[in-house]
N, C-alpha and C. Protein backbone atom coordinates (compact mmCIF):
# COMPACT_ATOMS: atom_id res chain seq x y z
N MET A 1 -68.61 61.39 -13.31
CA MET A 1 -67.83 60.19 -13.56
C MET A 1 -68.08 59.21 -12.41
N SER A 2 -68.39 57.98 -12.74
CA SER A 2 -68.66 56.98 -11.72
C SER A 2 -67.35 56.51 -11.07
N ASP A 3 -67.49 55.84 -9.93
CA ASP A 3 -66.33 55.29 -9.24
C ASP A 3 -65.58 54.30 -10.14
N GLN A 4 -66.34 53.47 -10.86
CA GLN A 4 -65.72 52.47 -11.76
C GLN A 4 -64.90 53.16 -12.84
N GLN A 5 -65.44 54.22 -13.45
CA GLN A 5 -64.71 54.95 -14.49
C GLN A 5 -63.46 55.61 -13.91
N SER A 6 -63.59 56.16 -12.72
CA SER A 6 -62.46 56.82 -12.08
C SER A 6 -61.34 55.83 -11.79
N VAL A 7 -61.68 54.67 -11.24
CA VAL A 7 -60.68 53.64 -10.96
C VAL A 7 -60.06 53.14 -12.25
N THR A 8 -60.87 52.96 -13.28
CA THR A 8 -60.36 52.49 -14.58
C THR A 8 -59.31 53.44 -15.11
N LYS A 9 -59.58 54.72 -15.09
CA LYS A 9 -58.62 55.71 -15.58
C LYS A 9 -57.37 55.76 -14.70
N LYS A 10 -57.54 55.60 -13.40
CA LYS A 10 -56.38 55.60 -12.49
C LYS A 10 -55.50 54.38 -12.73
N VAL A 11 -56.11 53.21 -12.94
CA VAL A 11 -55.34 52.00 -13.23
C VAL A 11 -54.59 52.17 -14.54
N PHE A 12 -55.25 52.70 -15.55
CA PHE A 12 -54.59 52.92 -16.84
C PHE A 12 -53.39 53.85 -16.68
N GLY A 13 -53.59 54.95 -15.98
CA GLY A 13 -52.50 55.91 -15.77
C GLY A 13 -51.34 55.31 -14.98
N ALA A 14 -51.66 54.53 -13.97
CA ALA A 14 -50.62 53.90 -13.16
C ALA A 14 -49.85 52.87 -13.99
N ALA A 15 -50.55 52.10 -14.81
CA ALA A 15 -49.89 51.12 -15.68
C ALA A 15 -49.00 51.84 -16.68
N ARG A 16 -49.49 52.92 -17.26
CA ARG A 16 -48.72 53.71 -18.24
C ARG A 16 -47.44 54.27 -17.63
N ASP A 17 -47.54 54.66 -16.35
CA ASP A 17 -46.42 55.31 -15.68
C ASP A 17 -45.52 54.33 -14.91
N GLY A 18 -45.88 53.04 -14.91
CA GLY A 18 -45.06 52.03 -14.25
C GLY A 18 -45.22 51.94 -12.75
N ARG A 19 -46.36 52.37 -12.24
CA ARG A 19 -46.60 52.36 -10.79
C ARG A 19 -47.34 51.07 -10.39
N ALA A 20 -46.58 49.98 -10.26
CA ALA A 20 -47.15 48.67 -9.98
C ALA A 20 -47.89 48.63 -8.64
N ILE A 21 -47.34 49.27 -7.63
CA ILE A 21 -47.99 49.26 -6.31
C ILE A 21 -49.34 49.96 -6.38
N THR A 22 -49.43 51.02 -7.14
CA THR A 22 -50.70 51.73 -7.30
C THR A 22 -51.70 50.86 -8.03
N VAL A 23 -51.26 50.18 -9.09
CA VAL A 23 -52.14 49.26 -9.82
C VAL A 23 -52.68 48.22 -8.86
N PHE A 24 -51.81 47.61 -8.07
CA PHE A 24 -52.24 46.59 -7.12
C PHE A 24 -53.22 47.16 -6.11
N ALA A 25 -52.92 48.32 -5.55
CA ALA A 25 -53.79 48.93 -4.54
C ALA A 25 -55.18 49.22 -5.10
N LEU A 26 -55.24 49.64 -6.35
CA LEU A 26 -56.54 49.95 -6.97
C LEU A 26 -57.35 48.69 -7.29
N LEU A 27 -56.67 47.57 -7.54
CA LEU A 27 -57.37 46.35 -7.95
C LEU A 27 -57.61 45.35 -6.82
N CYS A 28 -56.84 45.40 -5.76
CA CYS A 28 -56.84 44.32 -4.77
C CYS A 28 -58.17 44.09 -4.07
N GLN A 29 -58.99 45.09 -3.92
CA GLN A 29 -60.27 44.92 -3.23
C GLN A 29 -61.45 44.77 -4.19
N ARG A 30 -61.17 44.65 -5.46
CA ARG A 30 -62.22 44.54 -6.48
C ARG A 30 -62.57 43.09 -6.74
N ASN A 31 -63.81 42.86 -7.18
CA ASN A 31 -64.19 41.50 -7.57
C ASN A 31 -63.68 41.23 -9.00
N GLN A 32 -63.69 39.97 -9.39
CA GLN A 32 -63.11 39.57 -10.68
C GLN A 32 -63.82 40.23 -11.86
N CYS A 33 -65.12 40.40 -11.75
CA CYS A 33 -65.88 41.04 -12.84
C CYS A 33 -65.40 42.48 -13.05
N ASP A 34 -65.23 43.23 -11.96
CA ASP A 34 -64.74 44.60 -12.05
C ASP A 34 -63.32 44.64 -12.60
N ILE A 35 -62.48 43.72 -12.13
CA ILE A 35 -61.09 43.66 -12.59
C ILE A 35 -61.03 43.40 -14.09
N ASP A 36 -61.86 42.49 -14.56
CA ASP A 36 -61.89 42.19 -16.00
C ASP A 36 -62.28 43.43 -16.80
N LYS A 37 -63.25 44.18 -16.32
CA LYS A 37 -63.66 45.41 -17.02
C LYS A 37 -62.56 46.45 -17.00
N ILE A 38 -61.92 46.62 -15.85
CA ILE A 38 -60.86 47.62 -15.71
C ILE A 38 -59.67 47.27 -16.61
N LEU A 39 -59.24 46.02 -16.56
CA LEU A 39 -58.07 45.62 -17.36
C LEU A 39 -58.40 45.46 -18.83
N GLY A 40 -59.67 45.34 -19.17
CA GLY A 40 -60.09 45.25 -20.56
C GLY A 40 -60.39 46.60 -21.19
N TYR A 41 -60.27 47.66 -20.39
CA TYR A 41 -60.53 49.01 -20.88
C TYR A 41 -59.58 49.35 -22.02
N VAL A 42 -60.13 49.79 -23.12
CA VAL A 42 -59.33 50.16 -24.30
C VAL A 42 -59.38 51.67 -24.46
N SER A 43 -58.21 52.27 -24.49
CA SER A 43 -58.07 53.72 -24.61
C SER A 43 -57.33 54.04 -25.90
N ASP A 44 -57.52 55.24 -26.39
CA ASP A 44 -56.75 55.73 -27.53
C ASP A 44 -55.59 56.57 -26.98
N GLU A 45 -54.41 55.99 -26.98
CA GLU A 45 -53.21 56.67 -26.50
C GLU A 45 -52.32 56.92 -27.70
N ASP A 46 -52.06 58.17 -28.03
CA ASP A 46 -51.26 58.52 -29.21
C ASP A 46 -51.82 57.88 -30.47
N ASP A 47 -53.15 57.95 -30.62
CA ASP A 47 -53.87 57.42 -31.78
C ASP A 47 -53.72 55.91 -31.95
N GLN A 48 -53.44 55.19 -30.87
CA GLN A 48 -53.37 53.73 -30.90
C GLN A 48 -54.26 53.18 -29.80
N LYS A 49 -55.02 52.15 -30.13
CA LYS A 49 -55.85 51.51 -29.12
C LYS A 49 -54.95 50.72 -28.18
N THR A 50 -55.18 50.87 -26.88
CA THR A 50 -54.32 50.23 -25.90
C THR A 50 -55.07 49.94 -24.60
N THR A 51 -54.61 48.94 -23.89
CA THR A 51 -55.15 48.56 -22.59
C THR A 51 -54.09 48.85 -21.53
N PRO A 52 -54.45 48.74 -20.25
CA PRO A 52 -53.42 48.94 -19.21
C PRO A 52 -52.22 48.00 -19.38
N PHE A 53 -52.47 46.74 -19.72
CA PHE A 53 -51.38 45.79 -19.92
C PHE A 53 -50.49 46.20 -21.10
N LEU A 54 -51.12 46.56 -22.18
CA LEU A 54 -50.37 46.92 -23.39
C LEU A 54 -49.56 48.20 -23.19
N ILE A 55 -50.13 49.19 -22.54
CA ILE A 55 -49.39 50.45 -22.36
C ILE A 55 -48.20 50.22 -21.42
N ALA A 56 -48.36 49.34 -20.43
CA ALA A 56 -47.22 49.00 -19.56
C ALA A 56 -46.13 48.31 -20.38
N ALA A 57 -46.53 47.39 -21.27
CA ALA A 57 -45.55 46.71 -22.12
C ALA A 57 -44.86 47.69 -23.06
N ARG A 58 -45.62 48.57 -23.67
CA ARG A 58 -45.03 49.55 -24.60
C ARG A 58 -44.00 50.43 -23.92
N ASN A 59 -44.25 50.73 -22.65
CA ASN A 59 -43.36 51.63 -21.92
C ASN A 59 -42.29 50.88 -21.12
N GLY A 60 -42.25 49.54 -21.27
CA GLY A 60 -41.21 48.76 -20.63
C GLY A 60 -41.33 48.61 -19.13
N HIS A 61 -42.53 48.68 -18.61
CA HIS A 61 -42.75 48.60 -17.16
C HIS A 61 -42.96 47.15 -16.72
N SER A 62 -41.84 46.45 -16.57
CA SER A 62 -41.90 45.02 -16.28
C SER A 62 -42.55 44.70 -14.94
N ALA A 63 -42.44 45.57 -13.96
CA ALA A 63 -43.08 45.30 -12.66
C ALA A 63 -44.60 45.25 -12.81
N VAL A 64 -45.14 46.16 -13.59
CA VAL A 64 -46.60 46.16 -13.84
C VAL A 64 -46.99 44.92 -14.61
N ILE A 65 -46.22 44.58 -15.62
CA ILE A 65 -46.51 43.40 -16.44
C ILE A 65 -46.48 42.13 -15.57
N ARG A 66 -45.44 42.00 -14.76
CA ARG A 66 -45.35 40.82 -13.88
C ARG A 66 -46.52 40.77 -12.91
N LEU A 67 -46.91 41.90 -12.36
CA LEU A 67 -48.06 41.96 -11.45
C LEU A 67 -49.33 41.49 -12.14
N LEU A 68 -49.60 42.01 -13.32
CA LEU A 68 -50.83 41.67 -14.03
C LEU A 68 -50.83 40.20 -14.46
N LEU A 69 -49.68 39.67 -14.82
CA LEU A 69 -49.61 38.26 -15.21
C LEU A 69 -49.72 37.34 -14.00
N ALA A 70 -49.10 37.71 -12.90
CA ALA A 70 -49.06 36.84 -11.72
C ALA A 70 -50.36 36.83 -10.91
N HIS A 71 -51.05 37.97 -10.88
CA HIS A 71 -52.19 38.10 -9.96
C HIS A 71 -53.55 38.27 -10.61
N TYR A 72 -53.56 38.58 -11.88
CA TYR A 72 -54.84 38.86 -12.55
C TYR A 72 -54.90 38.10 -13.87
N ALA A 73 -56.08 37.77 -14.27
CA ALA A 73 -56.27 37.00 -15.51
C ALA A 73 -56.24 37.93 -16.72
N VAL A 74 -55.13 38.60 -16.91
CA VAL A 74 -55.01 39.56 -18.01
C VAL A 74 -54.93 38.81 -19.34
N ASP A 75 -55.60 39.35 -20.34
CA ASP A 75 -55.62 38.77 -21.68
C ASP A 75 -54.33 39.17 -22.41
N ILE A 76 -53.37 38.26 -22.47
CA ILE A 76 -52.07 38.62 -23.07
C ILE A 76 -52.10 38.65 -24.58
N GLU A 77 -53.08 38.03 -25.19
CA GLU A 77 -53.16 38.05 -26.66
C GLU A 77 -53.91 39.28 -27.15
N GLN A 78 -54.93 39.68 -26.46
CA GLN A 78 -55.72 40.84 -26.81
C GLN A 78 -55.97 40.91 -28.31
N VAL A 79 -56.58 39.85 -28.82
CA VAL A 79 -56.82 39.68 -30.25
C VAL A 79 -57.54 40.88 -30.85
N ARG A 80 -58.42 41.48 -30.10
CA ARG A 80 -59.18 42.61 -30.64
C ARG A 80 -58.28 43.79 -31.02
N LEU A 81 -57.03 43.77 -30.53
CA LEU A 81 -56.09 44.83 -30.86
C LEU A 81 -55.14 44.41 -31.98
N THR A 82 -55.30 43.22 -32.47
CA THR A 82 -54.63 42.65 -33.65
C THR A 82 -53.18 42.22 -33.47
N PHE A 83 -52.61 42.34 -32.28
CA PHE A 83 -51.26 41.83 -32.06
C PHE A 83 -51.07 41.56 -30.58
N SER A 84 -50.03 40.83 -30.25
CA SER A 84 -49.74 40.49 -28.86
C SER A 84 -48.93 41.59 -28.19
N PRO A 85 -49.38 42.07 -27.03
CA PRO A 85 -48.63 43.10 -26.31
C PRO A 85 -47.23 42.66 -25.91
N LEU A 86 -47.04 41.37 -25.70
CA LEU A 86 -45.71 40.91 -25.30
C LEU A 86 -44.69 41.16 -26.39
N SER A 87 -45.10 41.23 -27.64
CA SER A 87 -44.17 41.49 -28.73
C SER A 87 -43.57 42.90 -28.62
N GLU A 88 -44.25 43.79 -27.92
CA GLU A 88 -43.76 45.15 -27.74
C GLU A 88 -42.51 45.18 -26.86
N MET A 89 -42.32 44.15 -26.02
CA MET A 89 -41.21 44.15 -25.08
C MET A 89 -39.91 43.68 -25.72
N PHE A 90 -39.98 43.04 -26.88
CA PHE A 90 -38.80 42.44 -27.47
C PHE A 90 -38.39 43.12 -28.75
């Protein structure tokens, strides 16, 4: 497993578990291209396609969501997943 794949899985897990500080620590030294790949990673979680942003929204982890919105160019529409992750919060 490459370093990029390892970081991607760690960011996904941290977002899923609501660990905003860990998400920040894993992303803060990365370039924008790497960050885009990491945050665009689509995983099958419980037979649903999901990204780090979406899994954080599904699990109600507002600190992770605020971090990704405030500091990273996260795709909030994620059209390829057919719905807006923000709708999961309401």
